[in-house]
Amino acid sequence: GWIVLVLLFFSASAGKRDVYILPM
């Protein structure tokens, strides 16, 4: 559930980099 929430959080922003989701 935490992974999904973090993914949704970063996906909601227009600015994205591959390293942003590394904490997942």
PDB file of all heavy atoms in Angstrom:
ATOM      1  N   GLY A   1       0.822  -1.209   0.000  1.00  0.00           N
ATOM      2  CA  GLY A   1       0.000   0.000   0.000  1.00  0.00           C
ATOM      3  C   GLY A   1       0.853   1.255   0.000  1.00  0.00           C
ATOM      4  O   GLY A   1       0.543   2.239  -0.682  1.00  0.00           O
ATOM      5  N   TRP A   2       1.948   1.219   0.754  1.00  0.00           N
ATOM      6  CA  TRP A   2       2.868   2.369   0.781  1.00  0.00           C
ATOM      7  C   TRP A   2       3.500   2.594  -0.585  1.00  0.00           C
ATOM      8  O   TRP A   2       3.610   3.736  -1.056  1.00  0.00           O
ATOM      9  CB  TRP A   2       3.954   2.120   1.831  1.00  0.00           C
ATOM     10  CG  TRP A   2       4.937   3.230   1.950  1.00  0.00           C
ATOM     11  CD1 TRP A   2       4.789   4.395   2.633  1.00  0.00           C
ATOM     12  CD2 TRP A   2       6.239   3.286   1.336  1.00  0.00           C
ATOM     13  NE1 TRP A   2       5.920   5.185   2.501  1.00  0.00           N
ATOM     14  CE2 TRP A   2       6.818   4.526   1.706  1.00  0.00           C
ATOM     15  CE3 TRP A   2       6.957   2.420   0.517  1.00  0.00           C
ATOM     16  CZ2 TRP A   2       8.088   4.903   1.288  1.00  0.00           C
ATOM     17  CZ3 TRP A   2       8.224   2.793   0.099  1.00  0.00           C
ATOM     18  CH2 TRP A   2       8.779   4.018   0.479  1.00  0.00           C
ATOM     19  N   ILE A   3       3.903   1.519  -1.255  1.00  0.00           N
ATOM     20  CA  ILE A   3       4.495   1.641  -2.593  1.00  0.00           C
ATOM     21  C   ILE A   3       3.511   2.308  -3.550  1.00  0.00           C
ATOM     22  O   ILE A   3       3.877   3.209  -4.316  1.00  0.00           O
ATOM     23  CB  ILE A   3       4.906   0.246  -3.117  1.00  0.00           C
ATOM     24  CG1 ILE A   3       6.122  -0.267  -2.349  1.00  0.00           C
ATOM     25  CG2 ILE A   3       5.192   0.277  -4.608  1.00  0.00           C
ATOM     26  CD1 ILE A   3       6.470  -1.713  -2.647  1.00  0.00           C
ATOM     27  N   VAL A   4       2.266   1.894  -3.511  1.00  0.00           N
ATOM     28  CA  VAL A   4       1.242   2.461  -4.401  1.00  0.00           C
ATOM     29  C   VAL A   4       1.046   3.947  -4.110  1.00  0.00           C
ATOM     30  O   VAL A   4       0.958   4.774  -5.029  1.00  0.00           O
ATOM     31  CB  VAL A   4      -0.086   1.695  -4.269  1.00  0.00           C
ATOM     32  CG1 VAL A   4      -1.200   2.406  -5.027  1.00  0.00           C
ATOM     33  CG2 VAL A   4       0.075   0.260  -4.770  1.00  0.00           C
ATOM     34  N   LEU A   5       0.992   4.314  -2.834  1.00  0.00           N
ATOM     35  CA  LEU A   5       0.797   5.717  -2.468  1.00  0.00           C
ATOM     36  C   LEU A   5       1.972   6.583  -2.930  1.00  0.00           C
ATOM     37  O   LEU A   5       1.774   7.700  -3.441  1.00  0.00           O
ATOM     38  CB  LEU A   5       0.612   5.840  -0.957  1.00  0.00           C
ATOM     39  CG  LEU A   5      -0.700   5.283  -0.390  1.00  0.00           C
ATOM     40  CD1 LEU A   5      -0.660   5.289   1.134  1.00  0.00           C
ATOM     41  CD2 LEU A   5      -1.895   6.082  -0.893  1.00  0.00           C
ATOM     42  N   VAL A   6       3.185   6.093  -2.759  1.00  0.00           N
ATOM     43  CA  VAL A   6       4.359   6.855  -3.194  1.00  0.00           C
ATOM     44  C   VAL A   6       4.369   6.995  -4.716  1.00  0.00           C
ATOM     45  O   VAL A   6       4.674   8.066  -5.257  1.00  0.00           O
ATOM     46  CB  VAL A   6       5.656   6.185  -2.695  1.00  0.00           C
ATOM     47  CG1 VAL A   6       6.884   6.854  -3.294  1.00  0.00           C
ATOM     48  CG2 VAL A   6       5.727   6.249  -1.180  1.00  0.00           C
ATOM     49  N   LEU A   7       4.012   5.923  -5.403  1.00  0.00           N
ATOM     50  CA  LEU A   7       3.948   5.975  -6.864  1.00  0.00           C
ATOM     51  C   LEU A   7       2.917   7.005  -7.324  1.00  0.00           C
ATOM     52  O   LEU A   7       3.174   7.791  -8.250  1.00  0.00           O
ATOM     53  CB  LEU A   7       3.607   4.597  -7.419  1.00  0.00           C
ATOM     54  CG  LEU A   7       3.506   4.483  -8.946  1.00  0.00           C
ATOM     55  CD1 LEU A   7       4.830   4.832  -9.598  1.00  0.00           C
ATOM     56  CD2 LEU A   7       3.068   3.075  -9.344  1.00  0.00           C
ATOM     57  N   LEU A   8       1.759   7.028  -6.689  1.00  0.00           N
ATOM     58  CA  LEU A   8       0.729   8.004  -7.046  1.00  0.00           C
ATOM     59  C   LEU A   8       1.197   9.425  -6.743  1.00  0.00           C
ATOM     60  O   LEU A   8       0.928  10.357  -7.516  1.00  0.00           O
ATOM     61  CB  LEU A   8      -0.564   7.706  -6.272  1.00  0.00           C
ATOM     62  CG  LEU A   8      -1.312   6.431  -6.676  1.00  0.00           C
ATOM     63  CD1 LEU A   8      -2.487   6.182  -5.737  1.00  0.00           C
ATOM     64  CD2 LEU A   8      -1.774   6.497  -8.126  1.00  0.00           C
ATOM     65  N   PHE A   9       1.903   9.601  -5.637  1.00  0.00           N
ATOM     66  CA  PHE A   9       2.404  10.925  -5.259  1.00  0.00           C
ATOM     67  C   PHE A   9       3.331  11.482  -6.335  1.00  0.00           C
ATOM     68  O   PHE A   9       3.185  12.621  -6.788  1.00  0.00           O
ATOM     69  CB  PHE A   9       3.130  10.839  -3.918  1.00  0.00           C
ATOM     70  CG  PHE A   9       3.786  12.126  -3.496  1.00  0.00           C
ATOM     71  CD1 PHE A   9       3.070  13.118  -2.860  1.00  0.00           C
ATOM     72  CD2 PHE A   9       5.145  12.344  -3.750  1.00  0.00           C
ATOM     73  CE1 PHE A   9       3.679  14.312  -2.480  1.00  0.00           C
ATOM     74  CE2 PHE A   9       5.762  13.527  -3.371  1.00  0.00           C
ATOM     75  CZ  PHE A   9       5.023  14.515  -2.739  1.00  0.00           C
ATOM     76  N   PHE A  10       4.306  10.697  -6.758  1.00  0.00           N
ATOM     77  CA  PHE A  10       5.259  11.187  -7.751  1.00  0.00           C
ATOM     78  C   PHE A  10       4.638  11.277  -9.140  1.00  0.00           C
ATOM     79  O   PHE A  10       5.021  12.137  -9.938  1.00  0.00           O
ATOM     80  CB  PHE A  10       6.502  10.295  -7.776  1.00  0.00           C
ATOM     81  CG  PHE A  10       7.433  10.531  -6.618  1.00  0.00           C
ATOM     82  CD1 PHE A  10       7.751   9.513  -5.734  1.00  0.00           C
ATOM     83  CD2 PHE A  10       7.989  11.782  -6.424  1.00  0.00           C
ATOM     84  CE1 PHE A  10       8.611   9.741  -4.666  1.00  0.00           C
ATOM     85  CE2 PHE A  10       8.862  12.019  -5.360  1.00  0.00           C
ATOM     86  CZ  PHE A  10       9.168  10.995  -4.483  1.00  0.00           C
ATOM     87  N   SER A  11       3.681  10.411  -9.441  1.00  0.00           N
ATOM     88  CA  SER A  11       3.031  10.460 -10.749  1.00  0.00           C
ATOM     89  C   SER A  11       2.160  11.697 -10.899  1.00  0.00           C
ATOM     90  O   SER A  11       1.910  12.151 -12.019  1.00  0.00           O
ATOM     91  CB  SER A  11       2.188   9.201 -10.969  1.00  0.00           C
ATOM     92  OG  SER A  11       2.993   8.040 -10.982  1.00  0.00           O
ATOM     93  N   ALA A  12       1.693  12.254  -9.785  1.00  0.00           N
ATOM     94  CA  ALA A  12       0.802  13.415  -9.844  1.00  0.00           C
ATOM     95  C   ALA A  12       1.526  14.689 -10.240  1.00  0.00           C
ATOM     96  O   ALA A  12       0.904  15.646 -10.705  1.00  0.00           O
ATOM     97  CB  ALA A  12       0.119  13.609  -8.494  1.00  0.00           C
ATOM     98  N   SER A  13       2.852  14.724 -10.066  1.00  0.00           N
ATOM     99  CA  SER A  13       3.624  15.907 -10.444  1.00  0.00           C
ATOM    100  C   SER A  13       4.066  15.788 -11.895  1.00  0.00           C
ATOM    101  O   SER A  13       4.411  14.706 -12.377  1.00  0.00           O
ATOM    102  CB  SER A  13       4.847  16.050  -9.542  1.00  0.00           C
ATOM    103  OG  SER A  13       5.678  17.111  -9.974  1.00  0.00           O
ATOM    104  N   ALA A  14       4.075  16.923 -12.595  1.00  0.00           N
ATOM    105  CA  ALA A  14       4.514  16.913 -13.998  1.00  0.00           C
ATOM    106  C   ALA A  14       6.007  16.625 -14.114  1.00  0.00           C
ATOM    107  O   ALA A  14       6.458  16.012 -15.082  1.00  0.00           O
ATOM    108  CB  ALA A  14       4.181  18.250 -14.659  1.00  0.00           C
ATOM    109  N   GLY A  15       6.805  17.057 -13.136  1.00  0.00           N
ATOM    110  CA  GLY A  15       8.241  16.832 -13.153  1.00  0.00           C
ATOM    111  C   GLY A  15       8.578  15.450 -12.616  1.00  0.00           C
ATOM    112  O   GLY A  15       8.217  15.113 -11.487  1.00  0.00           O
ATOM    113  N   LYS A  16       9.255  14.650 -13.423  1.00  0.00           N
ATOM    114  CA  LYS A  16       9.551  13.270 -13.027  1.00  0.00           C
ATOM    115  C   LYS A  16      10.968  12.909 -13.443  1.00  0.00           C
ATOM    116  O   LYS A  16      11.427  13.268 -14.521  1.00  0.00           O
ATOM    117  CB  LYS A  16       8.569  12.293 -13.690  1.00  0.00           C
ATOM    118  CG  LYS A  16       7.111  12.506 -13.318  1.00  0.00           C
ATOM    119  CD  LYS A  16       6.212  11.544 -14.069  1.00  0.00           C
ATOM    120  CE  LYS A  16       4.756  11.730 -13.692  1.00  0.00           C
ATOM    121  NZ  LYS A  16       4.234  13.022 -14.171  1.00  0.00           N
ATOM    122  N   ARG A  17      11.655  12.185 -12.559  1.00  0.00           N
ATOM    123  CA  ARG A  17      12.953  11.590 -12.871  1.00  0.00           C
ATOM    124  C   ARG A  17      12.945  10.159 -12.363  1.00  0.00           C
ATOM    125  O   ARG A  17      12.264   9.836 -11.379  1.00  0.00           O
ATOM    126  CB  ARG A  17      14.099  12.373 -12.223  1.00  0.00           C
ATOM    127  CG  ARG A  17      14.308  13.774 -12.769  1.00  0.00           C
ATOM    128  CD  ARG A  17      15.503  14.431 -12.099  1.00  0.00           C
ATOM    129  NE  ARG A  17      16.737  13.712 -12.393  1.00  0.00           N
ATOM    130  CZ  ARG A  17      17.860  13.839 -11.677  1.00  0.00           C
ATOM    131  NH1 ARG A  17      17.878  14.649 -10.623  1.00  0.00           N
ATOM    132  NH2 ARG A  17      18.941  13.179 -12.006  1.00  0.00           N
ATOM    133  N   ASP A  18      13.718   9.298 -13.019  1.00  0.00           N
ATOM    134  CA  ASP A  18      13.685   7.886 -12.660  1.00  0.00           C
ATOM    135  C   ASP A  18      14.071   7.642 -11.203  1.00  0.00           C
ATOM    136  O   ASP A  18      13.543   6.735 -10.561  1.00  0.00           O
ATOM    137  CB  ASP A  18      14.574   7.071 -13.601  1.00  0.00           C
ATOM    138  CG  ASP A  18      16.015   7.578 -13.636  1.00  0.00           C
ATOM    139  OD1 ASP A  18      16.290   8.658 -13.078  1.00  0.00           O
ATOM    140  OD2 ASP A  18      16.870   6.888 -14.229  1.00  0.00           O
ATOM    141  N   VAL A  19      14.974   8.476 -10.657  1.00  0.00           N
ATOM    142  CA  VAL A  19      15.457   8.233  -9.295  1.00  0.00           C
ATOM    143  C   VAL A  19      14.423   8.597  -8.230  1.00  0.00           C
ATOM    144  O   VAL A  19      14.568   8.193  -7.073  1.00  0.00           O
ATOM    145  CB  VAL A  19      16.758   9.009  -9.015  1.00  0.00           C
ATOM    146  CG1 VAL A  19      17.882   8.507  -9.888  1.00  0.00           C
ATOM    147  CG2 VAL A  19      16.562  10.498  -9.198  1.00  0.00           C
ATOM    148  N   TYR A  20      13.389   9.347  -8.597  1.00  0.00           N
ATOM    149  CA  TYR A  20      12.418   9.761  -7.584  1.00  0.00           C
ATOM    150  C   TYR A  20      11.765   8.564  -6.896  1.00  0.00           C
ATOM    151  O   TYR A  20      11.455   8.621  -5.702  1.00  0.00           O
ATOM    152  CB  TYR A  20      11.335  10.646  -8.205  1.00  0.00           C
ATOM    153  CG  TYR A  20      11.795  12.036  -8.606  1.00  0.00           C
ATOM    154  CD1 TYR A  20      10.934  12.902  -9.296  1.00  0.00           C
ATOM    155  CD2 TYR A  20      13.072  12.493  -8.325  1.00  0.00           C
ATOM    156  CE1 TYR A  20      11.346  14.175  -9.673  1.00  0.00           C
ATOM    157  CE2 TYR A  20      13.489  13.758  -8.701  1.00  0.00           C
ATOM    158  CZ  TYR A  20      12.615  14.600  -9.371  1.00  0.00           C
ATOM    159  OH  TYR A  20      13.017  15.856  -9.750  1.00  0.00           O
ATOM    160  N   ILE A  21      11.511   7.490  -7.650  1.00  0.00           N
ATOM    161  CA  ILE A  21      10.794   6.344  -7.071  1.00  0.00           C
ATOM    162  C   ILE A  21      11.740   5.310  -6.479  1.00  0.00           C
ATOM    163  O   ILE A  21      11.286   4.258  -6.020  1.00  0.00           O
ATOM    164  CB  ILE A  21       9.870   5.677  -8.106  1.00  0.00           C
ATOM    165  CG1 ILE A  21      10.676   5.170  -9.311  1.00  0.00           C
ATOM    166  CG2 ILE A  21       8.775   6.650  -8.554  1.00  0.00           C
ATOM    167  CD1 ILE A  21       9.866   4.280 -10.246  1.00  0.00           C
ATOM    168  N   LEU A  22      13.033   5.598  -6.467  1.00  0.00           N
ATOM    169  CA  LEU A  22      13.986   4.626  -5.916  1.00  0.00           C
ATOM    170  C   LEU A  22      13.688   4.243  -4.465  1.00  0.00           C
ATOM    171  O   LEU A  22      13.909   3.081  -4.089  1.00  0.00           O
ATOM    172  CB  LEU A  22      15.412   5.171  -6.041  1.00  0.00           C
ATOM    173  CG  LEU A  22      16.540   4.189  -5.723  1.00  0.00           C
ATOM    174  CD1 LEU A  22      16.510   2.987  -6.655  1.00  0.00           C
ATOM    175  CD2 LEU A  22      17.903   4.887  -5.810  1.00  0.00           C
ATOM    176  N   PRO A  23      13.185   5.144  -3.599  1.00  0.00           N
ATOM    177  CA  PRO A  23      12.869   4.721  -2.225  1.00  0.00           C
ATOM    178  C   PRO A  23      11.840   3.597  -2.140  1.00  0.00           C
ATOM    179  O   PRO A  23      11.739   2.926  -1.098  1.00  0.00           O
ATOM    180  CB  PRO A  23      12.325   6.001  -1.584  1.00  0.00           C
ATOM    181  CG  PRO A  23      12.974   7.115  -2.339  1.00  0.00           C
ATOM    182  CD  PRO A  23      13.048   6.610  -3.751  1.00  0.00           C
ATOM    183  N   MET A  24      11.064   3.359  -3.206  1.00  0.00           N
ATOM    184  CA  MET A  24      10.092   2.267  -3.198  1.00  0.00           C
ATOM    185  C   MET A  24      10.763   0.903  -3.267  1.00  0.00           C
ATOM    186  O   MET A  24      10.198  -0.096  -2.813  1.00  0.00           O
ATOM    187  CB  MET A  24       9.138   2.414  -4.398  1.00  0.00           C
ATOM    188  CG  MET A  24       8.242   3.630  -4.359  1.00  0.00           C
ATOM    189  SD  MET A  24       7.496   4.029  -5.981  1.00  0.00           S
ATOM    190  CE  MET A  24       7.087   2.415  -6.622  1.00  0.00           C
TER     191      MET A  24
END
